[in-house]
């Protein structure tokens, strides 16, 4: 069976389908963040708490190797818990997720100030990206994409439905939370604002803020990016399912001209 990771005792070995855009031998960010989320979700279900925030720091490139997960409870409160999950390659820490979980209430107040949003077009009405864009990475070739606004191959804000079509971990079903996290990593690509023949950009971190649990397989990313000073930028995205918005995403961006990058190397 095609899968992104295969269990190997207590470890998870990345398959060739985990390859990212910079090198087929290096993991897609979606793979690393989703694998850490799998552990957060397990702990959240055991506690009965809701996942409210996920912040990922991606420190080092990760090859197609076997990875371990180490978990610490940083705060174990009655109303809020903070969990830390570390992704390791042997003794080397590749990345880290800090998760905020909160106790679930019985009801929520009405919000008289929120505007009624127009329902988004469903994924069935969207169009797939050009074949060359779908080949962006080995991982991305396993993701169904349906654009309802903008285009992946052109700069500017865009909105795209996404669904990972293979198991993140062999033998398991992808949960809506895993689908949301793996899709969120594409926010900077969906809302990119530069000519990528002239500029590169990276996001060494990503944060997701949830105000309700996601539902279903398809996740809509509505993304936009702002460029600031000294190569800095910020990608902001709203994640929705068929019932509407459920989370906001922030990614700190770093831009660099390809000429400057070549001189630096």
Protein backbone atom coordinates (compact mmCIF):
# COMPACT_ATOMS: atom_id res chain seq x y z
CA UNK A 1 0.00 0.00 0.00
CA UNK A 2 1.20 3.52 -0.81
CA UNK A 3 1.76 5.57 2.37
CA UNK A 4 3.86 8.50 3.52
CA UNK A 5 5.31 6.65 6.54
CA UNK A 6 5.57 2.98 7.47
CA UNK A 7 5.72 1.90 11.13
CA UNK A 8 9.03 0.31 12.07
CA UNK A 9 8.80 -0.71 15.73
CA UNK A 10 8.57 2.55 17.71
CA UNK A 11 9.80 4.52 14.68
CA UNK A 12 8.19 5.74 11.46
CA UNK A 13 10.15 5.32 8.23
CA UNK A 14 9.53 7.86 5.48
CA UNK A 15 8.80 6.38 2.06
CA UNK A 16 9.64 7.89 -1.33
CA UNK A 17 6.13 9.41 -1.32
CA UNK A 18 7.22 11.80 1.46
CA UNK A 19 9.69 13.64 -0.81
CA UNK A 20 9.43 17.43 -0.88
CA UNK A 21 9.95 20.17 -3.50
CA UNK A 22 13.61 20.98 -2.82
CA UNK A 23 14.81 17.39 -3.16
CA UNK A 24 13.00 14.06 -3.58
CA UNK A 25 15.24 12.76 -0.79
CA UNK A 26 14.09 15.39 1.73
CA UNK A 27 10.72 15.35 3.49
CA UNK A 28 7.81 17.61 2.56
CA UNK A 29 6.94 19.89 5.48
CA UNK A 30 3.40 18.46 5.46
CA UNK A 31 4.79 15.03 6.30
CA UNK A 32 6.74 16.18 9.36
CA UNK A 33 3.96 18.36 10.77
CA UNK A 34 1.27 15.72 10.25
CA UNK A 35 3.35 12.98 11.90
CA UNK A 36 3.77 15.14 15.01
CA UNK A 37 0.06 16.01 14.92
CA UNK A 38 -0.81 12.31 15.00
CA UNK A 39 0.78 12.10 18.46
CA UNK A 40 -0.92 15.32 19.66
CA UNK A 41 -4.30 14.00 18.52
CA UNK A 42 -3.79 10.75 20.42
CA UNK A 43 -3.03 12.64 23.63
CA UNK A 44 -5.96 15.02 23.11
CA UNK A 45 -8.40 12.13 22.68
CA UNK A 46 -7.11 10.44 25.83
CA UNK A 47 -7.59 13.63 27.86
CA UNK A 48 -10.94 14.65 26.34
CA UNK A 49 -9.50 18.11 25.59
CA UNK A 50 -9.76 19.99 22.28
CA UNK A 51 -6.80 20.94 20.10
CA UNK A 52 -6.77 24.75 19.99
CA UNK A 53 -3.30 25.69 18.76
CA UNK A 54 -0.48 23.87 16.98
CA UNK A 55 2.87 25.62 16.51
CA UNK A 56 5.55 23.84 14.51
CA UNK A 57 9.22 24.83 14.42
CA UNK A 58 11.04 23.06 11.59
CA UNK A 59 14.71 23.23 12.47
CA UNK A 60 16.56 20.91 10.12
CA UNK A 61 16.01 19.23 6.75
CA UNK A 62 14.77 15.68 7.17
CA UNK A 63 15.81 12.87 4.86
CA UNK A 64 13.93 9.69 3.98
CA UNK A 65 14.85 8.01 7.25
CA UNK A 66 13.19 6.44 10.29
CA UNK A 67 11.98 9.01 12.84
CA UNK A 68 11.07 8.87 16.49
CA UNK A 69 8.61 10.95 18.51
CA UNK A 70 9.23 12.17 22.06
CA UNK A 71 6.47 13.79 24.09
CA UNK A 72 6.48 16.03 27.18
CA UNK A 73 3.56 17.51 29.12
CA UNK A 74 4.65 21.11 29.81
CA UNK A 75 1.44 22.13 31.56
CA UNK A 76 -1.23 19.80 32.89
CA UNK A 77 -4.02 22.09 34.02
CA UNK A 78 -7.72 21.54 34.58
CA UNK A 79 -8.67 23.94 31.80
CA UNK A 80 -5.56 24.02 29.61
CA UNK A 81 -2.73 21.66 28.77
CA UNK A 82 0.45 22.33 26.84
CA UNK A 83 2.12 19.41 25.08
CA UNK A 84 5.46 19.30 23.33
CA UNK A 85 6.20 16.70 20.65
CA UNK A 86 9.73 16.39 19.25
CA UNK A 87 10.53 14.69 15.95
CA UNK A 88 13.93 13.01 16.12
CA UNK A 89 16.38 11.35 13.76
CA UNK A 90 18.49 9.34 16.17
CA UNK A 91 19.86 11.88 18.66
CA UNK A 92 19.12 14.83 16.36
CA UNK A 93 15.95 16.86 16.81
CA UNK A 94 14.43 17.69 13.43
CA UNK A 95 11.41 19.72 14.53
CA UNK A 96 9.07 20.42 17.38
CA UNK A 97 5.35 20.91 17.89
CA UNK A 98 3.96 22.84 20.83
CA UNK A 99 0.24 22.14 21.23
CA UNK A 100 -2.34 23.92 23.34
CA UNK A 101 -5.32 21.82 24.42
CA UNK A 102 -8.31 23.25 26.29
CA UNK A 103 -11.22 21.76 28.18
CA UNK A 104 -14.43 21.62 26.17
CA UNK A 105 -17.51 23.56 27.30
CA UNK A 106 -21.18 22.76 26.80
CA UNK A 107 -22.05 25.82 24.71
CA UNK A 108 -20.63 28.91 22.98
CA UNK A 109 -22.01 32.46 22.94
CA UNK A 110 -23.62 33.92 19.85
CA UNK A 111 -21.44 36.37 17.92
CA UNK A 112 -23.66 39.24 16.80
CA UNK A 113 -20.73 41.03 15.14
CA UNK A 114 -19.60 38.31 12.76
CA UNK A 115 -20.58 38.74 9.15
CA UNK A 116 -22.48 35.99 7.41
CA UNK A 117 -19.97 34.51 4.98
CA UNK A 118 -20.98 33.35 1.53
CA UNK A 119 -20.68 29.58 1.20
CA UNK A 120 -17.56 28.52 -0.65
CA UNK A 121 -17.85 26.55 -3.85
CA UNK A 122 -17.41 22.82 -3.14
CA UNK A 123 -14.36 20.87 -4.32
CA UNK A 124 -16.42 19.15 -7.00
CA UNK A 125 -16.81 22.51 -8.76
CA UNK A 126 -13.09 23.33 -8.69
CA UNK A 127 -10.43 22.71 -11.30
CA UNK A 128 -7.17 20.77 -10.86
CA UNK A 129 -3.89 22.63 -11.29
CA UNK A 130 -1.78 22.15 -14.44
CA UNK A 131 0.06 18.83 -14.56
CA UNK A 132 3.45 20.48 -14.10
CA UNK A 133 2.27 22.16 -10.87
CA UNK A 134 0.94 18.87 -9.52
CA UNK A 135 4.45 17.43 -9.98
CA UNK A 136 5.85 20.03 -7.58
CA UNK A 137 6.93 17.19 -5.26
CA UNK A 138 6.51 13.45 -4.79
CA UNK A 139 4.32 14.17 -1.79
CA UNK A 140 2.16 16.65 -3.69
CA UNK A 141 1.45 14.05 -6.37
CA UNK A 142 -0.59 12.19 -3.73
CA UNK A 143 -2.71 15.27 -2.92
CA UNK A 144 -5.94 16.02 -4.80
CA UNK A 145 -6.24 19.77 -5.49
CA UNK A 146 -9.28 21.69 -6.73
CA UNK A 147 -8.88 25.43 -7.24
CA UNK A 148 -11.90 27.68 -6.81
CA UNK A 149 -10.02 31.02 -6.92
CA UNK A 150 -6.66 32.07 -8.36
CA UNK A 151 -3.98 29.71 -9.64
CA UNK A 152 -1.05 27.83 -8.11
CA UNK A 153 1.29 28.68 -10.98
CA UNK A 154 0.62 32.45 -10.84
CA UNK A 155 1.35 34.96 -8.04
CA UNK A 156 -1.55 36.23 -5.98
CA UNK A 157 -4.12 35.17 -3.39
CA UNK A 158 -5.86 31.90 -4.13
CA UNK A 159 -8.26 29.35 -2.67
CA UNK A 160 -7.83 25.63 -3.16
CA UNK A 161 -9.43 22.50 -1.75
CA UNK A 162 -6.92 19.78 -0.85
CA UNK A 163 -7.10 16.15 0.25
CA UNK A 164 -4.25 13.71 0.93
CA UNK A 165 -5.30 10.55 -0.91
CA UNK A 166 -2.92 8.05 0.71
CA UNK A 167 -2.49 7.17 4.41
CA UNK A 168 -0.08 9.35 6.34
CA UNK A 169 0.85 6.19 8.27
CA UNK A 170 0.44 2.81 6.62
CA UNK A 171 -2.67 0.97 7.83
CA UNK A 172 -4.31 4.08 9.30
CA UNK A 173 -7.08 6.39 8.10
CA UNK A 174 -6.23 10.08 7.83
CA UNK A 175 -8.27 12.04 10.37
CA UNK A 176 -9.75 15.46 9.55
CA UNK A 177 -7.12 17.06 11.83
CA UNK A 178 -4.29 15.38 9.91
CA UNK A 179 -5.86 16.51 6.63
CA UNK A 180 -6.03 20.07 7.95
CA UNK A 181 -2.42 20.18 9.14
CA UNK A 182 -0.94 18.62 6.02
CA UNK A 183 -2.92 21.06 3.87
CA UNK A 184 -1.89 24.07 5.95
CA UNK A 185 1.77 23.61 5.00
CA UNK A 186 0.82 24.54 1.42
CA UNK A 187 -0.59 27.94 2.47
CA UNK A 188 2.54 29.86 1.45
CA UNK A 189 2.56 28.16 -1.95
CA UNK A 190 -1.15 28.75 -2.56
CA UNK A 191 -0.83 32.45 -1.70
CA UNK A 192 2.66 33.13 -3.10
CA UNK A 193 3.14 36.67 -4.44
CA UNK A 194 6.50 36.50 -6.24
CA UNK A 195 7.91 35.25 -9.52
CA UNK A 196 9.62 32.08 -8.32
CA UNK A 197 12.14 32.35 -11.15
CA UNK A 198 13.49 35.43 -9.36
CA UNK A 199 12.76 34.74 -5.69
CA UNK A 200 12.87 31.89 -3.20
CA UNK A 201 10.89 31.79 0.04
CA UNK A 202 10.81 29.55 3.08
CA UNK A 203 8.67 29.26 6.18
CA UNK A 204 10.68 27.74 9.06
CA UNK A 205 7.56 27.63 11.24
CA UNK A 206 3.77 27.47 11.04
CA UNK A 207 0.98 28.00 13.58
CA UNK A 208 -2.65 26.89 13.37
CA UNK A 209 -5.41 28.26 15.63
CA UNK A 210 -8.59 26.19 15.78
CA UNK A 211 -12.00 27.47 16.88
CA UNK A 212 -13.77 24.19 16.11
CA UNK A 213 -12.71 20.70 15.00
CA UNK A 214 -12.47 20.12 11.23
CA UNK A 215 -14.85 17.70 9.53
CA UNK A 216 -14.36 15.47 6.50
CA UNK A 217 -11.51 14.81 4.06
CA UNK A 218 -11.47 17.98 1.95
CA UNK A 219 -9.82 21.11 3.39
CA UNK A 220 -10.10 24.53 1.75
CA UNK A 221 -7.10 26.87 2.02
CA UNK A 222 -7.83 30.53 1.37
CA UNK A 223 -4.38 32.11 1.48
CA UNK A 224 -2.71 35.50 1.07
CA UNK A 225 0.84 36.74 1.69
CA UNK A 226 2.26 40.13 2.67
CA UNK A 227 5.87 41.19 2.07
CA UNK A 228 7.52 43.42 4.66
CA UNK A 229 11.00 44.81 5.18
CA UNK A 230 14.41 43.13 4.90
CA UNK A 231 13.14 39.94 3.29
CA UNK A 232 10.42 39.33 5.86
CA UNK A 233 6.87 38.33 5.04
CA UNK A 234 3.76 36.78 6.53
CA UNK A 235 1.35 34.26 5.03
CA UNK A 236 -2.16 34.22 6.47
CA UNK A 237 -4.72 31.58 5.60
CA UNK A 238 -8.19 30.49 6.60
CA UNK A 239 -8.94 26.77 6.69
CA UNK A 240 -12.49 25.61 5.96
CA UNK A 241 -14.38 22.38 5.46
CA UNK A 242 -17.76 21.90 3.84
CA UNK A 243 -19.45 23.45 6.89
CA UNK A 244 -17.34 26.62 6.85
CA UNK A 245 -14.21 28.06 8.47
CA UNK A 246 -12.63 26.28 11.43
CA UNK A 247 -9.04 27.59 11.78
CA UNK A 248 -6.59 30.38 10.96
CA UNK A 249 -2.99 29.83 9.88
CA UNK A 250 0.08 32.06 10.22
CA UNK A 251 3.46 31.43 8.59
CA UNK A 252 6.54 33.62 9.06
CA UNK A 253 8.16 33.96 5.62
CA UNK A 254 11.70 34.75 4.50
CA UNK A 255 12.27 35.95 0.93
CA UNK A 256 15.59 35.94 -0.93
CA UNK A 257 16.50 36.88 -4.48
CA UNK A 258 17.95 33.97 -6.40
CA UNK A 259 20.96 36.10 -7.48
CA UNK A 260 21.77 36.92 -3.86
CA UNK A 261 21.30 33.31 -2.86
CA UNK A 262 23.67 32.12 -5.58
CA UNK A 263 26.36 34.65 -4.51
CA UNK A 264 26.01 33.61 -0.86
CA UNK A 265 26.55 29.96 -1.75
